[in-house]
Amino acid sequence: MIIVIIWVDDLIMAASDTHLLNQFKEVMQKKFRMKDLGKISYFLGIHFEQKEGEIKMSQDKYISKMLERFGMVNCKPRSTPCEQKLEYNSSEAVDPKNYREIVGSLIYAMTCTRPDLSWVVSRLSQHLSEPKAENMNTAKHVLRYLKGTIDHKLCFKKSSQPLRLLAYSDSDWASSVEDRRSTTGYCFSLTGDGPLVSWKSKKQPTVALSTCEAEYMALAATTQESLYLTQLLNGMDKKIYH
């Protein structure tokens, strides 16, 4: 089996054995001008570390550049992504362009390797049109947290156990003070002690009339993602146990 990930003119190739991978590269090089950069180490802001039976993914370089870009290199690190309770009562507006750039950068880190940012980044994303001073303070809090956790990694280890898709879902109830909508959260892993392979925190599309309804809406979103991941893995000839 061969898996190819394409981003514009950059490719990641993975195969079930080295001979098959080399054959595929030879065929591609006959058709296209290609440069073999060897074993992957850096791709789209993600740092890869590989050794026997283990792959680690991190974004330390990306985060360092982010801190430099937004003038937070010398900031004091924080131990949590945000304060326990976020209250936005300020009417003081801030530069929306700068705020959007920070949140956009955080979204990319959260999407690739930092599931721990999911909830707070979701909250920050709800204030892109007219950000206030407190929104900016929260965004900078996240940057301080990233400085203190810049070495955090996703670690994927080879396992002799069969793949088992594990899902967890949750919701709050009417947490948004603006419209009383609830928030869905879910995450997936393929082994009991393995890293997450999918995660999300998002405001629900409609107002839930009870905690039970909010939980069911979260469960529905989790089920949809579960079906997608199952079909994706089946396409790779991977048998999944639920």
Protein backbone atom coordinates (compact mmCIF):
# COMPACT_ATOMS: atom_id res chain seq x y z
CA MET A 1 0.00 0.00 0.00
CA ILE A 2 1.19 3.52 -0.84
CA ILE A 3 -0.13 6.76 0.66
CA VAL A 4 0.69 10.09 -1.00
CA ILE A 5 -0.10 13.47 0.55
CA ILE A 6 0.08 16.38 -1.91
CA TRP A 7 0.32 20.08 -1.03
CA VAL A 8 0.81 22.17 -4.20
CA ASP A 9 4.19 20.82 -5.41
CA ASP A 10 5.29 19.15 -2.16
CA LEU A 11 4.62 15.46 -1.58
CA ILE A 12 4.83 13.08 1.35
CA MET A 13 5.06 9.41 0.36
CA ALA A 14 4.59 6.45 2.67
CA ALA A 15 4.49 2.76 1.77
CA SER A 16 4.12 -0.61 3.43
CA ASP A 17 7.70 -1.53 2.45
CA THR A 18 10.81 0.23 1.15
CA HIS A 19 10.93 -1.64 -2.18
CA LEU A 20 7.40 -0.55 -3.07
CA LEU A 21 8.21 3.04 -2.10
CA ASN A 22 11.34 3.10 -4.29
CA GLN A 23 9.41 1.66 -7.24
CA PHE A 24 6.78 4.36 -6.93
CA LYS A 25 9.41 7.12 -6.74
CA GLU A 26 11.10 5.79 -9.88
CA VAL A 27 7.81 5.87 -11.79
CA MET A 28 7.09 9.42 -10.60
CA GLN A 29 10.58 10.65 -11.48
CA LYS A 30 10.17 9.36 -15.03
CA LYS A 31 6.99 11.40 -15.44
CA PHE A 32 7.88 14.56 -13.49
CA ARG A 33 10.90 16.56 -12.43
CA MET A 34 11.29 15.64 -8.78
CA LYS A 35 13.84 16.06 -6.02
CA ASP A 36 13.99 13.38 -3.34
CA LEU A 37 14.60 15.10 0.01
CA GLY A 38 14.82 11.82 1.90
CA LYS A 39 13.12 11.02 5.17
CA ILE A 40 10.64 13.70 6.18
CA SER A 41 11.77 16.12 8.88
CA TYR A 42 9.79 19.33 8.25
CA PHE A 43 6.57 19.89 6.31
CA LEU A 44 4.16 22.85 6.37
CA GLY A 45 5.36 24.10 9.74
CA ILE A 46 5.32 20.64 11.34
CA HIS A 47 8.50 19.04 12.65
CA PHE A 48 8.74 15.24 12.35
CA GLU A 49 11.04 13.00 14.39
CA GLN A 50 11.29 9.36 13.34
CA LYS A 51 12.92 6.36 14.92
CA GLU A 52 12.16 2.65 15.02
CA GLY A 53 8.46 2.20 15.73
CA GLU A 54 7.81 5.83 16.62
CA ILE A 55 6.94 9.15 14.96
CA LYS A 56 6.72 12.45 16.83
CA MET A 57 5.07 15.60 15.49
CA SER A 58 5.57 19.09 16.90
CA GLN A 59 5.52 22.74 15.84
CA ASP A 60 8.30 24.26 17.91
CA LYS A 61 9.77 26.22 14.98
CA TYR A 62 6.34 27.45 13.89
CA ILE A 63 5.51 28.59 17.43
CA SER A 64 8.88 30.34 17.79
CA LYS A 65 8.22 32.28 14.58
CA MET A 66 4.72 33.10 15.80
CA LEU A 67 6.04 34.50 19.09
CA GLU A 68 8.60 36.58 17.20
CA ARG A 69 6.02 37.86 14.73
CA PHE A 70 3.68 39.10 17.45
CA GLY A 71 6.36 40.48 19.77
CA MET A 72 5.97 37.82 22.46
CA VAL A 73 9.45 36.27 22.46
CA ASN A 74 10.28 37.59 25.93
CA CYS A 75 6.82 37.08 27.42
CA LYS A 76 6.27 35.27 30.71
CA PRO A 77 5.04 31.68 30.08
CA ARG A 78 1.65 30.54 31.41
CA SER A 79 0.74 27.04 32.55
CA THR A 80 -2.82 26.94 31.18
CA PRO A 81 -4.29 27.86 27.76
CA CYS A 82 -6.62 30.47 29.31
CA GLU A 83 -8.21 31.65 32.52
CA GLN A 84 -10.78 29.37 34.11
CA LYS A 85 -13.61 31.78 33.31
CA LEU A 86 -13.66 34.16 30.37
CA GLU A 87 -15.79 37.28 30.68
CA TYR A 88 -15.90 39.83 27.87
CA ASN A 89 -17.42 43.06 29.16
CA SER A 90 -15.04 45.61 27.68
CA SER A 91 -16.14 48.07 25.01
CA GLU A 92 -12.55 49.01 24.14
CA ALA A 93 -11.90 47.95 20.54
CA VAL A 94 -8.52 46.70 19.29
CA ASP A 95 -6.94 46.43 15.85
CA PRO A 96 -8.99 43.68 14.15
CA LYS A 97 -6.26 42.91 11.59
CA ASN A 98 -3.66 42.10 14.24
CA TYR A 99 -6.19 40.09 16.26
CA ARG A 100 -7.23 38.04 13.23
CA GLU A 101 -3.61 37.31 12.37
CA ILE A 102 -2.97 35.98 15.88
CA VAL A 103 -6.13 33.85 15.92
CA GLY A 104 -5.45 32.54 12.40
CA SER A 105 -1.96 31.48 13.47
CA LEU A 106 -3.37 29.79 16.57
CA ILE A 107 -5.96 27.95 14.47
CA TYR A 108 -3.21 26.36 12.37
CA ALA A 109 -1.28 25.21 15.45
CA MET A 110 -4.47 23.86 17.02
CA THR A 111 -5.46 22.02 13.84
CA CYS A 112 -2.10 20.30 13.32
CA THR A 113 -0.63 19.29 16.67
CA ARG A 114 -2.22 21.16 19.58
CA PRO A 115 -5.63 19.78 20.58
CA ASP A 116 -5.16 21.46 23.97
CA LEU A 117 -5.92 24.80 22.28
CA SER A 118 -9.26 23.72 20.80
CA TRP A 119 -11.64 25.28 23.30
CA VAL A 120 -9.99 28.65 23.75
CA VAL A 121 -9.26 29.08 20.02
CA SER A 122 -12.92 28.32 19.31
CA ARG A 123 -13.90 31.08 21.72
CA LEU A 124 -11.41 33.55 20.23
CA SER A 125 -12.73 32.80 16.73
CA GLN A 126 -16.18 34.03 17.74
CA HIS A 127 -14.91 37.63 18.04
CA LEU A 128 -13.11 38.17 14.74
CA SER A 129 -15.41 40.91 13.45
CA GLU A 130 -15.18 43.32 16.40
CA PRO A 131 -12.49 42.14 18.84
CA LYS A 132 -12.22 43.87 22.20
CA ALA A 133 -9.28 44.38 24.54
CA GLU A 134 -10.21 41.32 26.63
CA ASN A 135 -10.25 39.15 23.51
CA MET A 136 -6.74 40.32 22.68
CA ASN A 137 -5.60 39.66 26.26
CA THR A 138 -6.89 36.09 25.99
CA ALA A 139 -5.13 35.61 22.66
CA LYS A 140 -1.86 36.80 24.19
CA HIS A 141 -2.45 34.47 27.14
CA VAL A 142 -2.54 31.58 24.65
CA LEU A 143 0.75 32.77 23.14
CA ARG A 144 2.29 32.80 26.62
CA TYR A 145 1.00 29.27 27.17
CA LEU A 146 2.57 28.16 23.89
CA LYS A 147 5.90 29.59 24.96
CA GLY A 148 5.80 27.44 28.08
CA THR A 149 4.72 24.32 26.18
CA ILE A 150 6.66 24.80 22.95
CA ASP A 151 8.13 21.29 23.17
CA HIS A 152 4.77 19.49 23.39
CA LYS A 153 4.50 16.71 20.80
CA LEU A 154 2.10 14.15 19.39
CA CYS A 155 3.82 10.76 19.71
CA PHE A 156 2.64 7.88 17.52
CA LYS A 157 4.03 4.47 18.49
CA LYS A 158 3.80 1.17 16.67
CA SER A 159 1.44 -1.18 18.48
CA SER A 160 0.88 -4.91 18.26
CA GLN A 161 -2.69 -4.43 19.42
CA PRO A 162 -5.53 -4.12 16.87
CA LEU A 163 -6.64 -0.59 16.04
CA ARG A 164 -9.59 0.50 18.14
CA LEU A 165 -11.31 3.78 17.38
CA LEU A 166 -12.03 5.43 20.73
CA ALA A 167 -14.24 8.50 20.87
CA TYR A 168 -15.12 10.89 23.66
CA SER A 169 -17.75 13.61 23.40
CA ASP A 170 -19.06 16.25 25.77
CA SER A 171 -20.93 19.53 25.81
CA ASP A 172 -21.66 22.35 28.17
CA TRP A 173 -25.05 24.02 28.23
CA ALA A 174 -25.88 27.58 27.18
CA SER A 175 -22.33 28.77 27.84
CA SER A 176 -22.46 31.61 25.32
CA VAL A 177 -23.67 34.77 27.04
CA GLU A 178 -24.41 36.34 23.64
CA ASP A 179 -26.92 33.77 22.33
CA ARG A 180 -27.03 30.97 24.97
CA ARG A 181 -25.78 28.35 22.54
CA SER A 182 -23.81 25.40 23.88
CA THR A 183 -20.39 24.07 22.89
CA THR A 184 -19.63 20.63 21.43
CA GLY A 185 -16.33 18.92 22.11
CA TYR A 186 -15.00 15.57 20.91
CA CYS A 187 -11.74 13.71 20.41
CA PHE A 188 -10.62 10.41 18.88
CA SER A 189 -7.67 8.08 19.33
CA LEU A 190 -6.76 4.72 17.78
CA THR A 191 -5.28 3.12 20.90
CA GLY A 192 -6.10 3.40 24.56
CA ASP A 193 -2.89 5.23 25.40
CA GLY A 194 -2.15 6.73 22.00
CA PRO A 195 -2.29 10.36 20.85
CA LEU A 196 -5.41 11.97 19.45
CA VAL A 197 -6.03 11.70 15.71
CA SER A 198 -9.05 14.02 15.54
CA TRP A 199 -10.48 16.72 17.83
CA LYS A 200 -12.90 19.62 17.79
CA SER A 201 -14.49 22.26 19.99
CA LYS A 202 -17.27 24.25 18.34
CA LYS A 203 -20.33 26.26 19.24
CA GLN A 204 -23.51 24.34 18.42
CA PRO A 205 -25.61 25.67 15.51
CA THR A 206 -28.86 26.02 17.48
CA VAL A 207 -29.94 26.69 21.05
CA ALA A 208 -30.37 23.53 23.12
CA LEU A 209 -33.37 23.59 25.46
CA SER A 210 -31.77 21.24 27.99
CA THR A 211 -28.44 19.67 28.92
CA CYS A 212 -29.72 16.41 27.45
CA GLU A 213 -30.37 18.04 24.07
CA ALA A 214 -26.93 19.66 24.09
CA GLU A 215 -25.30 16.29 24.81
CA TYR A 216 -27.24 14.63 21.98
CA MET A 217 -26.13 17.33 19.55
CA ALA A 218 -22.52 16.73 20.60
CA LEU A 219 -22.99 12.98 20.21
CA ALA A 220 -24.42 13.46 16.71
CA ALA A 221 -21.35 15.45 15.63
CA THR A 222 -19.08 12.80 17.17
CA THR A 223 -20.91 10.03 15.33
CA GLN A 224 -20.49 11.86 12.01
CA GLU A 225 -16.74 12.15 12.57
CA SER A 226 -16.60 8.50 13.63
CA LEU A 227 -18.17 7.39 10.36
CA TYR A 228 -15.72 9.51 8.37
CA LEU A 229 -12.67 8.16 10.22
CA THR A 230 -13.91 4.58 9.88
CA GLN A 231 -14.36 4.95 6.12
CA LEU A 232 -10.94 6.62 5.82
CA LEU A 233 -9.21 3.79 7.67
CA ASN A 234 -11.15 1.13 5.77
CA GLY A 235 -9.84 2.72 2.58
CA MET A 236 -6.35 2.02 3.92
CA ASP A 237 -7.28 -1.65 4.49
CA LYS A 238 -7.21 -1.14 8.24
CA LYS A 239 -9.68 -3.17 10.26
CA ILE A 240 -11.16 -1.06 13.02
CA TYR A 241 -12.71 -2.24 16.26
CA HIS A 242 -15.23 0.03 17.99
